[in-house]
Amino acid sequence: MELLQKKNLVNAVERVLHVKGNYSGGILEMTLVVDCGLPREYVRGMAADIASVLRSHSEVFRNVRLNLLYWISEEKMENRVVPFSFLQMSKCFEDYEEQEKEKSLDMLSAKLKLYHARSKLILVLAGKNPVINDAEALRRNMHPFLGKKSLFLFQGDDRLNWQRGEKLLT
């Protein structure tokens, strides 16, 4: 990541954490969603960059409860709880397998709403073209809280701009 991209990540994360009623201190619980359609080296590199940027930015990221969610297909998503430092060293991606399958953001948002609503920060590394099968279901799942807590990075975006979850609906 370049310096400007790192600054954009830090600013986006700070905006999410400072949403009223979101994070008030203590151990941060966050979720990193990895689209398994992405190349392994891209995922390893981005995860390591994200971890190093956030850890160097704030003491909050020294002790994090990290949920790593492998987004394999519509029906299959695997959750793992891993130490945040494993992202930086890429140890949590040793068994990662690239799998090109059709996935939709509305199914992902339903899973996040059910199992990861406690997370104060949700980062999603997604493929190039996000599919939305049911826009109304996506809207229901993202409101009122999930849209404010989530940041999406789509692989095709060369500038690496993080997009807030609530902006997906517009």
N, C-alpha and C. Protein backbone atom coordinates (compact mmCIF):
# COMPACT_ATOMS: atom_id res chain seq x y z
N MET A 1 0.84 -1.18 0.00
CA MET A 1 0.00 0.00 0.00
C MET A 1 0.88 1.24 0.00
N GLU A 2 0.43 2.24 -0.73
CA GLU A 2 1.13 3.51 -0.75
C GLU A 2 0.70 4.35 0.45
N LEU A 3 1.43 5.42 0.71
CA LEU A 3 1.18 6.26 1.87
C LEU A 3 -0.24 6.84 1.87
N LEU A 4 -0.71 7.31 0.73
CA LEU A 4 -2.05 7.88 0.65
C LEU A 4 -3.12 6.81 0.90
N GLN A 5 -2.90 5.62 0.42
CA GLN A 5 -3.83 4.51 0.65
C GLN A 5 -3.88 4.14 2.12
N LYS A 6 -2.73 4.15 2.77
CA LYS A 6 -2.68 3.87 4.21
C LYS A 6 -3.45 4.94 4.99
N LYS A 7 -3.28 6.17 4.61
CA LYS A 7 -3.98 7.27 5.28
C LYS A 7 -5.49 7.15 5.07
N ASN A 8 -5.91 6.77 3.85
CA ASN A 8 -7.34 6.57 3.58
C ASN A 8 -7.91 5.46 4.45
N LEU A 9 -7.16 4.38 4.62
CA LEU A 9 -7.60 3.28 5.48
C LEU A 9 -7.75 3.74 6.92
N VAL A 10 -6.76 4.43 7.44
CA VAL A 10 -6.80 4.90 8.82
C VAL A 10 -7.98 5.85 9.03
N ASN A 11 -8.18 6.77 8.09
CA ASN A 11 -9.30 7.72 8.21
C ASN A 11 -10.64 7.01 8.17
N ALA A 12 -10.79 6.03 7.27
CA ALA A 12 -12.06 5.30 7.17
C ALA A 12 -12.32 4.51 8.45
N VAL A 13 -11.30 3.86 8.99
CA VAL A 13 -11.46 3.09 10.23
C VAL A 13 -11.80 4.02 11.38
N GLU A 14 -11.16 5.15 11.47
CA GLU A 14 -11.47 6.11 12.55
C GLU A 14 -12.90 6.61 12.46
N ARG A 15 -13.39 6.85 11.24
CA ARG A 15 -14.78 7.29 11.08
C ARG A 15 -15.74 6.21 11.58
N VAL A 16 -15.44 4.95 11.30
CA VAL A 16 -16.30 3.86 11.75
C VAL A 16 -16.26 3.73 13.26
N LEU A 17 -15.08 3.75 13.84
CA LEU A 17 -14.97 3.57 15.29
C LEU A 17 -15.58 4.73 16.08
N HIS A 18 -15.64 5.91 15.48
CA HIS A 18 -16.17 7.06 16.19
C HIS A 18 -17.64 7.34 15.90
N VAL A 19 -18.31 6.42 15.23
CA VAL A 19 -19.76 6.54 15.07
C VAL A 19 -20.38 6.47 16.47
N LYS A 20 -21.35 7.32 16.71
CA LYS A 20 -21.97 7.38 18.04
C LYS A 20 -22.50 6.00 18.44
N GLY A 21 -22.08 5.54 19.62
CA GLY A 21 -22.54 4.27 20.16
C GLY A 21 -21.80 3.06 19.66
N ASN A 22 -20.75 3.23 18.86
CA ASN A 22 -20.06 2.06 18.32
C ASN A 22 -18.97 1.56 19.27
N TYR A 23 -17.82 2.18 19.30
CA TYR A 23 -16.71 1.68 20.12
C TYR A 23 -16.45 2.66 21.25
N SER A 24 -16.44 2.14 22.48
CA SER A 24 -16.25 3.02 23.64
C SER A 24 -15.04 2.64 24.48
N GLY A 25 -14.18 1.79 23.95
CA GLY A 25 -12.97 1.41 24.67
C GLY A 25 -12.94 -0.06 25.00
N GLY A 26 -11.83 -0.50 25.54
CA GLY A 26 -11.66 -1.92 25.87
C GLY A 26 -11.11 -2.70 24.68
N ILE A 27 -11.30 -4.00 24.72
CA ILE A 27 -10.81 -4.85 23.64
C ILE A 27 -11.74 -4.72 22.44
N LEU A 28 -11.15 -4.40 21.32
CA LEU A 28 -11.91 -4.22 20.08
C LEU A 28 -12.21 -5.58 19.46
N GLU A 29 -13.47 -5.78 19.08
CA GLU A 29 -13.83 -6.97 18.33
C GLU A 29 -14.10 -6.54 16.90
N MET A 30 -13.39 -7.19 15.96
CA MET A 30 -13.56 -6.84 14.56
C MET A 30 -13.63 -8.09 13.70
N THR A 31 -14.14 -7.92 12.48
CA THR A 31 -14.28 -9.02 11.54
C THR A 31 -13.60 -8.62 10.24
N LEU A 32 -12.83 -9.53 9.69
CA LEU A 32 -12.26 -9.37 8.35
C LEU A 32 -12.88 -10.44 7.47
N VAL A 33 -13.61 -10.02 6.45
CA VAL A 33 -14.24 -10.94 5.52
C VAL A 33 -13.35 -11.02 4.29
N VAL A 34 -13.01 -12.25 3.89
CA VAL A 34 -12.16 -12.47 2.72
C VAL A 34 -12.95 -13.25 1.69
N ASP A 35 -13.14 -12.65 0.54
CA ASP A 35 -13.79 -13.33 -0.59
C ASP A 35 -12.80 -14.35 -1.13
N CYS A 36 -13.17 -15.62 -1.08
CA CYS A 36 -12.27 -16.69 -1.51
C CYS A 36 -12.11 -16.75 -3.03
N GLY A 37 -12.72 -15.85 -3.75
CA GLY A 37 -12.49 -15.75 -5.18
C GLY A 37 -11.27 -14.91 -5.51
N LEU A 38 -10.69 -14.27 -4.50
CA LEU A 38 -9.51 -13.43 -4.70
C LEU A 38 -8.23 -14.27 -4.74
N PRO A 39 -7.22 -13.83 -5.48
CA PRO A 39 -5.94 -14.56 -5.50
C PRO A 39 -5.27 -14.58 -4.12
N ARG A 40 -4.62 -15.66 -3.83
CA ARG A 40 -4.00 -15.86 -2.52
C ARG A 40 -2.97 -14.78 -2.17
N GLU A 41 -2.14 -14.42 -3.11
CA GLU A 41 -1.10 -13.42 -2.83
C GLU A 41 -1.69 -12.04 -2.58
N TYR A 42 -2.76 -11.71 -3.28
CA TYR A 42 -3.45 -10.44 -3.05
C TYR A 42 -4.01 -10.39 -1.63
N VAL A 43 -4.65 -11.48 -1.21
CA VAL A 43 -5.25 -11.55 0.13
C VAL A 43 -4.16 -11.46 1.19
N ARG A 44 -3.10 -12.21 1.02
CA ARG A 44 -2.02 -12.19 2.01
C ARG A 44 -1.40 -10.80 2.12
N GLY A 45 -1.15 -10.18 0.98
CA GLY A 45 -0.55 -8.85 0.98
C GLY A 45 -1.44 -7.79 1.58
N MET A 46 -2.72 -7.80 1.19
CA MET A 46 -3.65 -6.80 1.72
C MET A 46 -3.88 -6.99 3.22
N ALA A 47 -4.03 -8.23 3.66
CA ALA A 47 -4.25 -8.48 5.09
C ALA A 47 -3.03 -8.04 5.91
N ALA A 48 -1.85 -8.33 5.42
CA ALA A 48 -0.64 -7.92 6.13
C ALA A 48 -0.52 -6.40 6.17
N ASP A 49 -0.84 -5.74 5.07
CA ASP A 49 -0.79 -4.27 5.04
C ASP A 49 -1.82 -3.66 5.98
N ILE A 50 -3.03 -4.21 5.97
CA ILE A 50 -4.09 -3.71 6.86
C ILE A 50 -3.66 -3.83 8.32
N ALA A 51 -3.16 -5.01 8.67
CA ALA A 51 -2.75 -5.24 10.06
C ALA A 51 -1.61 -4.31 10.47
N SER A 52 -0.61 -4.16 9.62
CA SER A 52 0.54 -3.32 10.00
C SER A 52 0.15 -1.85 10.09
N VAL A 53 -0.69 -1.39 9.18
CA VAL A 53 -1.13 0.01 9.23
C VAL A 53 -1.94 0.28 10.49
N LEU A 54 -2.88 -0.59 10.80
CA LEU A 54 -3.73 -0.36 11.97
C LEU A 54 -2.96 -0.50 13.27
N ARG A 55 -2.07 -1.47 13.34
CA ARG A 55 -1.28 -1.64 14.58
C ARG A 55 -0.35 -0.48 14.82
N SER A 56 0.23 0.07 13.76
CA SER A 56 1.13 1.20 13.94
C SER A 56 0.36 2.50 14.19
N HIS A 57 -0.91 2.54 13.83
CA HIS A 57 -1.71 3.75 14.01
C HIS A 57 -2.19 3.95 15.44
N SER A 58 -2.65 2.88 16.09
CA SER A 58 -3.29 3.08 17.39
C SER A 58 -3.05 1.91 18.33
N GLU A 59 -3.04 2.23 19.61
CA GLU A 59 -2.92 1.21 20.66
C GLU A 59 -4.14 0.29 20.70
N VAL A 60 -5.26 0.76 20.19
CA VAL A 60 -6.50 -0.04 20.18
C VAL A 60 -6.28 -1.36 19.45
N PHE A 61 -5.42 -1.34 18.42
CA PHE A 61 -5.21 -2.52 17.58
C PHE A 61 -4.07 -3.43 18.09
N ARG A 62 -3.57 -3.16 19.26
CA ARG A 62 -2.56 -4.04 19.85
C ARG A 62 -3.20 -5.31 20.40
N ASN A 63 -4.44 -5.19 20.89
CA ASN A 63 -5.15 -6.33 21.45
C ASN A 63 -6.56 -6.36 20.85
N VAL A 64 -6.73 -7.20 19.84
CA VAL A 64 -7.97 -7.25 19.08
C VAL A 64 -8.49 -8.68 19.05
N ARG A 65 -9.80 -8.82 19.17
CA ARG A 65 -10.44 -10.12 18.94
C ARG A 65 -10.85 -10.11 17.48
N LEU A 66 -10.15 -10.88 16.66
CA LEU A 66 -10.36 -10.86 15.21
C LEU A 66 -11.12 -12.10 14.75
N ASN A 67 -12.24 -11.88 14.10
CA ASN A 67 -12.99 -12.94 13.43
C ASN A 67 -12.60 -12.89 11.96
N LEU A 68 -12.04 -13.96 11.47
CA LEU A 68 -11.68 -14.05 10.06
C LEU A 68 -12.75 -14.91 9.39
N LEU A 69 -13.49 -14.30 8.46
CA LEU A 69 -14.59 -15.00 7.80
C LEU A 69 -14.21 -15.27 6.35
N TYR A 70 -14.07 -16.56 6.02
CA TYR A 70 -13.84 -16.96 4.63
C TYR A 70 -15.18 -17.03 3.93
N TRP A 71 -15.37 -16.20 2.91
CA TRP A 71 -16.61 -16.14 2.14
C TRP A 71 -16.41 -17.01 0.91
N ILE A 72 -16.75 -18.29 1.04
CA ILE A 72 -16.46 -19.29 0.01
C ILE A 72 -17.55 -19.31 -1.06
N SER A 73 -18.80 -19.38 -0.66
CA SER A 73 -19.91 -19.41 -1.61
C SER A 73 -21.15 -18.85 -0.92
N GLU A 74 -22.27 -18.88 -1.62
CA GLU A 74 -23.53 -18.40 -1.04
C GLU A 74 -23.86 -19.13 0.26
N GLU A 75 -23.71 -20.44 0.23
CA GLU A 75 -24.09 -21.26 1.38
C GLU A 75 -22.97 -21.47 2.38
N LYS A 76 -21.73 -21.39 1.93
CA LYS A 76 -20.61 -21.77 2.79
C LYS A 76 -19.74 -20.57 3.16
N MET A 77 -19.68 -20.32 4.45
CA MET A 77 -18.80 -19.30 5.01
C MET A 77 -18.17 -19.88 6.26
N GLU A 78 -16.86 -19.79 6.37
CA GLU A 78 -16.15 -20.35 7.52
C GLU A 78 -15.63 -19.22 8.40
N ASN A 79 -15.92 -19.29 9.68
CA ASN A 79 -15.45 -18.30 10.63
C ASN A 79 -14.32 -18.88 11.47
N ARG A 80 -13.29 -18.09 11.66
CA ARG A 80 -12.16 -18.47 12.51
C ARG A 80 -11.80 -17.29 13.39
N VAL A 81 -11.46 -17.57 14.62
CA VAL A 81 -10.96 -16.53 15.51
C VAL A 81 -9.45 -16.69 15.54
N VAL A 82 -8.74 -15.65 15.10
CA VAL A 82 -7.29 -15.71 15.00
C VAL A 82 -6.68 -14.47 15.67
N PRO A 83 -5.45 -14.59 16.14
CA PRO A 83 -4.76 -13.41 16.67
C PRO A 83 -4.50 -12.40 15.56
N PHE A 84 -4.61 -11.13 15.89
CA PHE A 84 -4.42 -10.07 14.91
C PHE A 84 -3.02 -10.11 14.30
N SER A 85 -2.05 -10.53 15.08
CA SER A 85 -0.67 -10.59 14.57
C SER A 85 -0.51 -11.63 13.47
N PHE A 86 -1.38 -12.64 13.44
CA PHE A 86 -1.33 -13.65 12.38
C PHE A 86 -1.64 -13.04 11.01
N LEU A 87 -2.43 -11.98 10.98
CA LEU A 87 -2.68 -11.30 9.71
C LEU A 87 -1.40 -10.68 9.17
N GLN A 88 -0.66 -10.05 10.05
CA GLN A 88 0.56 -9.39 9.65
C GLN A 88 1.60 -10.38 9.14
N MET A 89 1.62 -11.56 9.73
CA MET A 89 2.58 -12.59 9.31
C MET A 89 2.00 -13.53 8.25
N SER A 90 0.73 -13.37 7.91
CA SER A 90 0.02 -14.19 6.92
C SER A 90 -0.07 -15.66 7.31
N LYS A 91 0.03 -15.95 8.60
CA LYS A 91 -0.06 -17.35 9.05
C LYS A 91 -1.47 -17.91 8.93
N CYS A 92 -2.47 -17.05 8.97
CA CYS A 92 -3.85 -17.54 8.93
C CYS A 92 -4.31 -17.90 7.52
N PHE A 93 -3.47 -17.69 6.52
CA PHE A 93 -3.85 -18.00 5.14
C PHE A 93 -3.09 -19.19 4.57
N GLU A 94 -2.51 -20.01 5.43
CA GLU A 94 -1.75 -21.17 4.95
C GLU A 94 -2.64 -22.19 4.26
N ASP A 95 -3.89 -22.31 4.68
CA ASP A 95 -4.80 -23.28 4.06
C ASP A 95 -5.81 -22.60 3.12
N TYR A 96 -5.55 -21.36 2.75
CA TYR A 96 -6.44 -20.61 1.86
C TYR A 96 -6.42 -21.20 0.46
N GLU A 97 -7.60 -21.43 -0.09
CA GLU A 97 -7.72 -21.93 -1.46
C GLU A 97 -8.64 -21.01 -2.23
N GLU A 98 -8.16 -20.57 -3.39
CA GLU A 98 -8.96 -19.70 -4.24
C GLU A 98 -10.08 -20.51 -4.88
N GLN A 99 -11.31 -20.01 -4.75
CA GLN A 99 -12.48 -20.71 -5.29
C GLN A 99 -13.41 -19.71 -5.94
N GLU A 100 -13.54 -19.78 -7.24
CA GLU A 100 -14.42 -18.90 -8.00
C GLU A 100 -15.84 -19.44 -7.96
N LYS A 101 -16.68 -18.83 -7.14
CA LYS A 101 -18.09 -19.21 -7.05
C LYS A 101 -18.92 -17.95 -6.99
N GLU A 102 -20.16 -18.07 -7.45
CA GLU A 102 -21.09 -16.95 -7.43
C GLU A 102 -21.46 -16.61 -5.98
N LYS A 103 -21.33 -15.33 -5.63
CA LYS A 103 -21.66 -14.88 -4.29
C LYS A 103 -22.41 -13.55 -4.40
N SER A 104 -23.30 -13.31 -3.44
CA SER A 104 -24.01 -12.04 -3.46
C SER A 104 -23.83 -11.31 -2.12
N LEU A 105 -23.83 -10.00 -2.20
CA LEU A 105 -23.65 -9.19 -1.00
C LEU A 105 -24.83 -9.30 -0.04
N ASP A 106 -26.03 -9.58 -0.56
CA ASP A 106 -27.17 -9.69 0.34
C ASP A 106 -27.06 -10.93 1.23
N MET A 107 -26.51 -12.02 0.71
CA MET A 107 -26.30 -13.22 1.55
C MET A 107 -25.19 -12.97 2.58
N LEU A 108 -24.15 -12.28 2.16
CA LEU A 108 -23.08 -11.94 3.10
C LEU A 108 -23.61 -11.04 4.21
N SER A 109 -24.40 -10.05 3.86
CA SER A 109 -24.92 -9.14 4.88
C SER A 109 -25.84 -9.87 5.87
N ALA A 110 -26.58 -10.86 5.39
CA ALA A 110 -27.43 -11.64 6.30
C ALA A 110 -26.58 -12.41 7.30
N LYS A 111 -25.50 -13.02 6.84
CA LYS A 111 -24.59 -13.76 7.73
C LYS A 111 -23.93 -12.80 8.74
N LEU A 112 -23.50 -11.66 8.26
CA LEU A 112 -22.87 -10.69 9.16
C LEU A 112 -23.85 -10.19 10.21
N LYS A 113 -25.08 -9.97 9.81
CA LYS A 113 -26.08 -9.48 10.76
C LYS A 113 -26.38 -10.52 11.84
N LEU A 114 -26.40 -11.79 11.46
CA LEU A 114 -26.69 -12.85 12.43
C LEU A 114 -25.54 -13.14 13.37
N TYR A 115 -24.33 -13.23 12.83
CA TYR A 115 -23.22 -13.74 13.62
C TYR A 115 -22.13 -12.73 13.96
N HIS A 116 -22.10 -11.59 13.30
CA HIS A 116 -20.99 -10.65 13.52
C HIS A 116 -21.46 -9.24 13.86
N ALA A 117 -22.68 -9.11 14.33
CA ALA A 117 -23.21 -7.80 14.67
C ALA A 117 -22.50 -7.20 15.88
N ARG A 118 -21.87 -8.04 16.69
CA ARG A 118 -21.11 -7.55 17.86
C ARG A 118 -19.83 -6.85 17.47
N SER A 119 -19.31 -7.16 16.31
CA SER A 119 -18.06 -6.54 15.86
C SER A 119 -18.24 -5.04 15.70
N LYS A 120 -17.26 -4.30 16.15
CA LYS A 120 -17.31 -2.84 16.05
C LYS A 120 -16.74 -2.34 14.73
N LEU A 121 -16.01 -3.21 14.03
CA LEU A 121 -15.42 -2.86 12.74
C LEU A 121 -15.47 -4.10 11.86
N ILE A 122 -16.00 -3.96 10.66
CA ILE A 122 -16.08 -5.06 9.71
C ILE A 122 -15.41 -4.61 8.42
N LEU A 123 -14.32 -5.27 8.06
CA LEU A 123 -13.60 -4.99 6.83
C LEU A 123 -13.87 -6.13 5.85
N VAL A 124 -14.22 -5.79 4.62
CA VAL A 124 -14.55 -6.80 3.62
C VAL A 124 -13.64 -6.62 2.41
N LEU A 125 -12.85 -7.66 2.12
CA LEU A 125 -12.06 -7.70 0.89
C LEU A 125 -12.88 -8.50 -0.12
N ALA A 126 -13.41 -7.83 -1.11
CA ALA A 126 -14.32 -8.47 -2.06
C ALA A 126 -13.76 -8.45 -3.47
N GLY A 127 -14.35 -9.28 -4.31
CA GLY A 127 -13.94 -9.38 -5.71
C GLY A 127 -14.32 -8.14 -6.51
N LYS A 128 -14.11 -8.22 -7.81
CA LYS A 128 -14.27 -7.06 -8.68
C LYS A 128 -15.71 -6.60 -8.83
N ASN A 129 -16.61 -7.52 -9.07
CA ASN A 129 -17.99 -7.15 -9.35
C ASN A 129 -18.93 -7.70 -8.29
N PRO A 130 -19.33 -6.85 -7.36
CA PRO A 130 -20.25 -7.34 -6.32
C PRO A 130 -21.63 -7.60 -6.92
N VAL A 131 -22.23 -8.70 -6.55
CA VAL A 131 -23.56 -9.07 -7.03
C VAL A 131 -24.56 -8.80 -5.92
N ILE A 132 -25.64 -8.13 -6.28
CA ILE A 132 -26.73 -7.89 -5.33
C ILE A 132 -27.99 -8.49 -5.93
N ASN A 133 -28.44 -9.61 -5.37
CA ASN A 133 -29.64 -10.28 -5.87
C ASN A 133 -30.91 -9.63 -5.35
N ASP A 134 -30.90 -9.21 -4.10
CA ASP A 134 -32.08 -8.64 -3.47
C ASP A 134 -31.67 -7.36 -2.74
N ALA A 135 -31.87 -6.23 -3.40
CA ALA A 135 -31.45 -4.95 -2.84
C ALA A 135 -32.20 -4.62 -1.55
N GLU A 136 -33.46 -5.01 -1.46
CA GLU A 136 -34.25 -4.73 -0.26
C GLU A 136 -33.73 -5.54 0.93
N ALA A 137 -33.36 -6.79 0.70
CA ALA A 137 -32.78 -7.61 1.78
C ALA A 137 -31.44 -7.02 2.23
N LEU A 138 -30.64 -6.56 1.30
CA LEU A 138 -29.37 -5.92 1.64
C LEU A 138 -29.63 -4.67 2.47
N ARG A 139 -30.60 -3.87 2.08
CA ARG A 139 -30.94 -2.66 2.82
C ARG A 139 -31.39 -2.98 4.25
N ARG A 140 -32.24 -4.00 4.39
CA ARG A 140 -32.71 -4.40 5.73
C ARG A 140 -31.56 -4.89 6.60
N ASN A 141 -30.64 -5.65 6.02
CA ASN A 141 -29.53 -6.20 6.80
C ASN A 141 -28.51 -5.13 7.20
N MET A 142 -28.32 -4.14 6.36
CA MET A 142 -27.32 -3.12 6.64
C MET A 142 -27.80 -2.07 7.63
N HIS A 143 -29.12 -1.92 7.74
CA HIS A 143 -29.67 -0.92 8.66
C HIS A 143 -30.09 -1.57 9.95
N PRO A 144 -29.99 -0.97 11.08
CA PRO A 144 -29.49 0.38 11.30
C PRO A 144 -28.00 0.43 11.63
N PHE A 145 -27.38 -0.71 11.98
CA PHE A 145 -26.00 -0.65 12.48
C PHE A 145 -24.93 -1.16 11.53
N LEU A 146 -25.19 -2.23 10.83
CA LEU A 146 -24.16 -2.90 10.04
C LEU A 146 -23.55 -2.00 8.97
N GLY A 147 -24.36 -1.16 8.37
CA GLY A 147 -23.85 -0.26 7.33
C GLY A 147 -22.86 0.75 7.86
N LYS A 148 -23.01 1.13 9.13
CA LYS A 148 -22.11 2.11 9.74
C LYS A 148 -20.81 1.49 10.23
N LYS A 149 -20.80 0.18 10.43
CA LYS A 149 -19.64 -0.51 10.97
C LYS A 149 -18.76 -1.14 9.89
N SER A 150 -19.23 -1.21 8.66
CA SER A 150 -18.53 -1.98 7.65
C SER A 150 -17.85 -1.11 6.61
N LEU A 151 -16.69 -1.60 6.16
CA LEU A 151 -15.92 -0.97 5.09
C LEU A 151 -15.64 -2.03 4.04
N PHE A 152 -15.87 -1.69 2.77
CA PHE A 152 -15.67 -2.63 1.67
C PHE A 152 -14.54 -2.14 0.78
N LEU A 153 -13.69 -3.07 0.37
CA LEU A 153 -12.65 -2.80 -0.62
C LEU A 153 -12.86 -3.79 -1.75
N PHE A 154 -13.21 -3.28 -2.91
CA PHE A 154 -13.41 -4.14 -4.08
C PHE A 154 -12.12 -4.18 -4.88
N GLN A 155 -11.72 -5.37 -5.30
CA GLN A 155 -10.41 -5.58 -5.92
C GLN A 155 -10.20 -4.72 -7.16
N GLY A 156 -11.21 -4.49 -7.93
CA GLY A 156 -11.06 -3.73 -9.18
C GLY A 156 -10.76 -2.27 -8.97
N ASP A 157 -10.91 -1.75 -7.77
CA ASP A 157 -10.66 -0.35 -7.48
C ASP A 157 -9.16 -0.12 -7.33
N ASP A 158 -8.54 0.45 -8.35
CA ASP A 158 -7.09 0.63 -8.35
C ASP A 158 -6.61 1.63 -7.31
N ARG A 159 -7.50 2.53 -6.90
CA ARG A 159 -7.11 3.55 -5.93
C ARG A 159 -7.23 3.06 -4.49
N LEU A 160 -7.76 1.88 -4.28
CA LEU A 160 -7.94 1.31 -2.95
C LEU A 160 -8.74 2.24 -2.02
N ASN A 161 -9.88 2.66 -2.50
CA ASN A 161 -10.76 3.47 -1.66
C ASN A 161 -11.71 2.56 -0.91
N TRP A 162 -11.76 2.74 0.38
CA TRP A 162 -12.67 1.96 1.21
C TRP A 162 -14.04 2.59 1.12
N GLN A 163 -15.04 1.77 0.89
CA GLN A 163 -16.42 2.24 0.74
C GLN A 163 -17.22 1.82 1.96
N ARG A 164 -17.92 2.78 2.58
CA ARG A 164 -18.75 2.47 3.74
C ARG A 164 -19.90 1.56 3.32
N GLY A 165 -20.32 0.68 4.20
CA GLY A 165 -21.40 -0.25 3.91
C GLY A 165 -22.71 0.43 3.59
N GLU A 166 -22.96 1.57 4.22
CA GLU A 166 -24.21 2.27 3.96
C GLU A 166 -24.22 2.91 2.57
N LYS A 167 -23.07 3.09 1.95
CA LYS A 167 -22.99 3.67 0.60
C LYS A 167 -23.32 2.63 -0.47
N LEU A 168 -23.32 1.34 -0.13
CA LEU A 168 -23.66 0.31 -1.10
C LEU A 168 -25.12 0.42 -1.53
N LEU A 169 -25.93 1.01 -0.70
CA LEU A 169 -27.36 1.08 -0.95
C LEU A 169 -27.76 2.23 -1.84
N THR A 170 -26.84 3.14 -2.11
CA THR A 170 -27.16 4.30 -2.94
C THR A 170 -26.74 4.10 -4.37
